[in-house]
């Protein structure tokens, strides 16, 4: 799909902050609110705009026990479908939040969310590792989030010299 300059501008604005109203975007790029709204509707229908999301710093919540792990997965691709079939099997698990085809030593990068490290370990040993195409996995547990999707999470260094906020 080939996009024109205005469509790309709209996407860039929405990617930075999806809460912008069509009227505000129209002013930013010098076009009508109707044209912006129609462009957004069309891009949603064509799945160029896949989803709108809110970034939440769950670590700030009392009693939050969630855990995120990034799992490197080496697989044996199947003839005729390559990595797509195994990637689809993996992304259908409810624990999986993202799957990417990667270059390098491992083929897939899988992000998994759970309530505990044990829950993620059970997922890896009971569901992921048992798939026919999966050769090996390496699990990395996320300890602290500093920046995600281009947004810096509020933090202070212990010596209080640096304060960063979004």
Protein backbone atom coordinates (compact mmCIF):
# COMPACT_ATOMS: atom_id res chain seq x y z
CA UNK A 1 0.00 0.00 0.00
CA UNK A 2 1.36 3.40 -0.98
CA UNK A 3 0.49 6.27 1.36
CA UNK A 4 0.61 9.94 0.52
CA UNK A 5 2.46 12.53 2.61
CA UNK A 6 -0.63 13.61 4.61
CA UNK A 7 -1.53 10.01 5.47
CA UNK A 8 1.99 9.37 6.73
CA UNK A 9 1.84 12.57 8.81
CA UNK A 10 -1.45 11.45 10.36
CA UNK A 11 0.03 8.06 11.24
CA UNK A 12 3.14 9.64 12.77
CA UNK A 13 1.01 11.94 14.94
CA UNK A 14 -1.26 9.12 16.10
CA UNK A 15 1.70 6.85 16.80
CA UNK A 16 3.14 9.47 19.16
CA UNK A 17 -0.23 10.07 20.88
CA UNK A 18 -3.45 8.37 19.79
CA UNK A 19 -5.54 10.77 21.89
CA UNK A 20 -5.24 13.61 19.39
CA UNK A 21 -8.63 14.61 17.99
CA UNK A 22 -9.17 14.79 14.22
CA UNK A 23 -9.66 18.56 14.51
CA UNK A 24 -6.25 18.99 16.19
CA UNK A 25 -4.52 16.78 13.63
CA UNK A 26 -6.17 18.74 10.81
CA UNK A 27 -4.71 21.97 12.18
CA UNK A 28 -1.26 20.41 12.54
CA UNK A 29 -1.06 19.24 8.93
CA UNK A 30 -3.17 21.93 7.27
CA UNK A 31 -6.17 19.94 6.06
CA UNK A 32 -9.83 19.50 6.97
CA UNK A 33 -11.13 17.61 9.99
CA UNK A 34 -13.36 15.57 7.64
CA UNK A 35 -10.37 14.50 5.54
CA UNK A 36 -8.43 13.45 8.66
CA UNK A 37 -11.39 11.49 10.08
CA UNK A 38 -11.98 9.74 6.74
CA UNK A 39 -8.27 8.89 6.41
CA UNK A 40 -8.16 7.44 9.93
CA UNK A 41 -11.33 5.39 9.30
CA UNK A 42 -9.90 4.00 6.05
CA UNK A 43 -6.53 3.18 7.62
CA UNK A 44 -8.31 1.37 10.45
CA UNK A 45 -10.41 -0.65 7.97
CA UNK A 46 -7.31 -1.59 5.96
CA UNK A 47 -5.53 -2.62 9.20
CA UNK A 48 -2.72 -0.10 8.70
CA UNK A 49 -3.80 1.23 12.10
CA UNK A 50 -3.94 -2.06 13.96
CA UNK A 51 -4.87 -1.01 17.49
CA UNK A 52 -4.84 1.86 19.97
CA UNK A 53 -3.18 1.21 23.33
CA UNK A 54 -2.48 2.84 26.68
CA UNK A 55 0.96 2.53 28.26
CA UNK A 56 0.64 1.81 32.00
CA UNK A 57 3.46 1.79 34.53
CA UNK A 58 2.19 -1.19 36.55
CA UNK A 59 5.25 -1.04 38.81
CA UNK A 60 3.70 2.02 40.49
CA UNK A 61 0.70 0.01 41.65
CA UNK A 62 0.76 -1.40 45.19
CA UNK A 63 0.71 -5.19 45.30
CA UNK A 64 1.33 -5.58 41.55
CA UNK A 65 2.83 -9.02 41.00
CA UNK A 66 3.00 -9.25 37.22
CA UNK A 67 6.08 -10.59 35.45
CA UNK A 68 7.19 -10.15 31.84
CA UNK A 69 9.66 -12.41 30.08
CA UNK A 70 11.27 -12.22 26.67
CA UNK A 71 11.93 -15.66 25.25
CA UNK A 72 14.32 -16.37 22.40
CA UNK A 73 13.03 -19.37 20.45
CA UNK A 74 14.96 -21.46 17.92
CA UNK A 75 12.62 -23.37 15.61
CA UNK A 76 12.74 -25.67 12.62
CA UNK A 77 10.70 -23.99 9.87
CA UNK A 78 8.28 -26.15 7.90
CA UNK A 79 8.47 -26.53 4.14
CA UNK A 80 6.03 -24.25 2.34
CA UNK A 81 5.05 -22.15 5.38
CA UNK A 82 8.43 -21.24 6.86
CA UNK A 83 8.14 -19.72 10.33
CA UNK A 84 4.55 -18.53 9.95
CA UNK A 85 2.85 -21.72 11.14
CA UNK A 86 4.84 -22.06 14.36
CA UNK A 87 4.60 -18.31 15.02
CA UNK A 88 0.82 -18.55 14.72
CA UNK A 89 0.67 -21.50 17.12
CA UNK A 90 2.75 -19.52 19.62
CA UNK A 91 0.84 -16.22 19.38
CA UNK A 92 -2.46 -18.00 20.02
CA UNK A 93 -1.43 -18.81 23.62
CA UNK A 94 -3.13 -16.38 26.04
CA UNK A 95 0.15 -15.77 27.89
CA UNK A 96 1.85 -14.41 24.76
CA UNK A 97 1.71 -10.66 24.17
CA UNK A 98 4.01 -10.47 21.12
CA UNK A 99 5.93 -12.61 18.63
CA UNK A 100 8.60 -11.35 16.21
CA UNK A 101 10.64 -13.11 13.53
CA UNK A 102 14.27 -12.19 14.19
CA UNK A 103 17.63 -12.42 12.47
CA UNK A 104 20.55 -13.94 14.34
CA UNK A 105 20.98 -17.03 16.50
CA UNK A 106 17.31 -17.33 17.47
CA UNK A 107 14.38 -17.25 15.06
CA UNK A 108 11.52 -15.88 17.15
CA UNK A 109 11.34 -13.41 20.00
CA UNK A 110 8.31 -14.07 22.19
CA UNK A 111 7.08 -11.77 24.97
CA UNK A 112 5.09 -13.52 27.70
CA UNK A 113 3.22 -12.05 30.67
CA UNK A 114 2.22 -13.88 33.83
CA UNK A 115 1.63 -13.48 37.55
CA UNK A 116 4.93 -15.08 38.61
CA UNK A 117 8.22 -16.45 37.31
CA UNK A 118 6.92 -19.94 38.08
CA UNK A 119 3.87 -19.35 35.90
CA UNK A 120 6.09 -18.32 32.99
CA UNK A 121 8.40 -21.28 33.63
CA UNK A 122 5.38 -23.62 33.46
CA UNK A 123 4.33 -21.99 30.18
CA UNK A 124 7.79 -22.48 28.67
CA UNK A 125 8.18 -26.08 29.83
CA UNK A 126 4.58 -27.21 29.35
CA UNK A 127 3.42 -25.35 26.25
CA UNK A 128 6.19 -23.62 24.31
CA UNK A 129 9.00 -26.19 24.50
CA UNK A 130 6.65 -29.05 23.65
CA UNK A 131 5.76 -27.68 20.21
CA UNK A 132 7.16 -29.92 17.44
CA UNK A 133 9.07 -27.15 15.66
CA UNK A 134 10.67 -25.66 18.80
CA UNK A 135 14.33 -26.68 19.08
CA UNK A 136 15.38 -24.54 22.07
CA UNK A 137 14.42 -21.54 24.19
CA UNK A 138 16.22 -18.94 26.30
CA UNK A 139 14.13 -16.97 28.80
CA UNK A 140 14.98 -13.45 29.98
CA UNK A 141 12.90 -11.98 32.83
CA UNK A 142 12.25 -8.25 32.71
CA UNK A 143 13.44 -6.69 35.98
CA UNK A 144 12.71 -3.00 35.42
CA UNK A 145 11.27 -0.97 32.58
CA UNK A 146 13.07 2.26 31.71
CA UNK A 147 11.65 3.04 28.27
CA UNK A 148 8.91 1.39 26.20
CA UNK A 149 7.47 2.37 22.82
CA UNK A 150 9.54 5.55 22.86
CA UNK A 151 8.23 6.66 26.27
CA UNK A 152 10.52 7.06 29.26
CA UNK A 153 9.07 5.82 32.53
CA UNK A 154 9.39 8.22 35.48
CA UNK A 155 12.40 7.34 37.57
CA UNK A 156 14.90 8.73 40.04
CA UNK A 157 18.45 7.66 40.57
CA UNK A 158 19.24 6.81 44.17
CA UNK A 159 21.56 9.78 44.52
CA UNK A 160 18.66 12.03 43.40
CA UNK A 161 20.82 13.81 40.82
CA UNK A 162 18.78 12.69 37.80
CA UNK A 163 15.02 12.89 37.55
CA UNK A 164 13.32 11.78 34.34
CA UNK A 165 9.65 12.11 33.58
CA UNK A 166 7.64 11.46 30.40
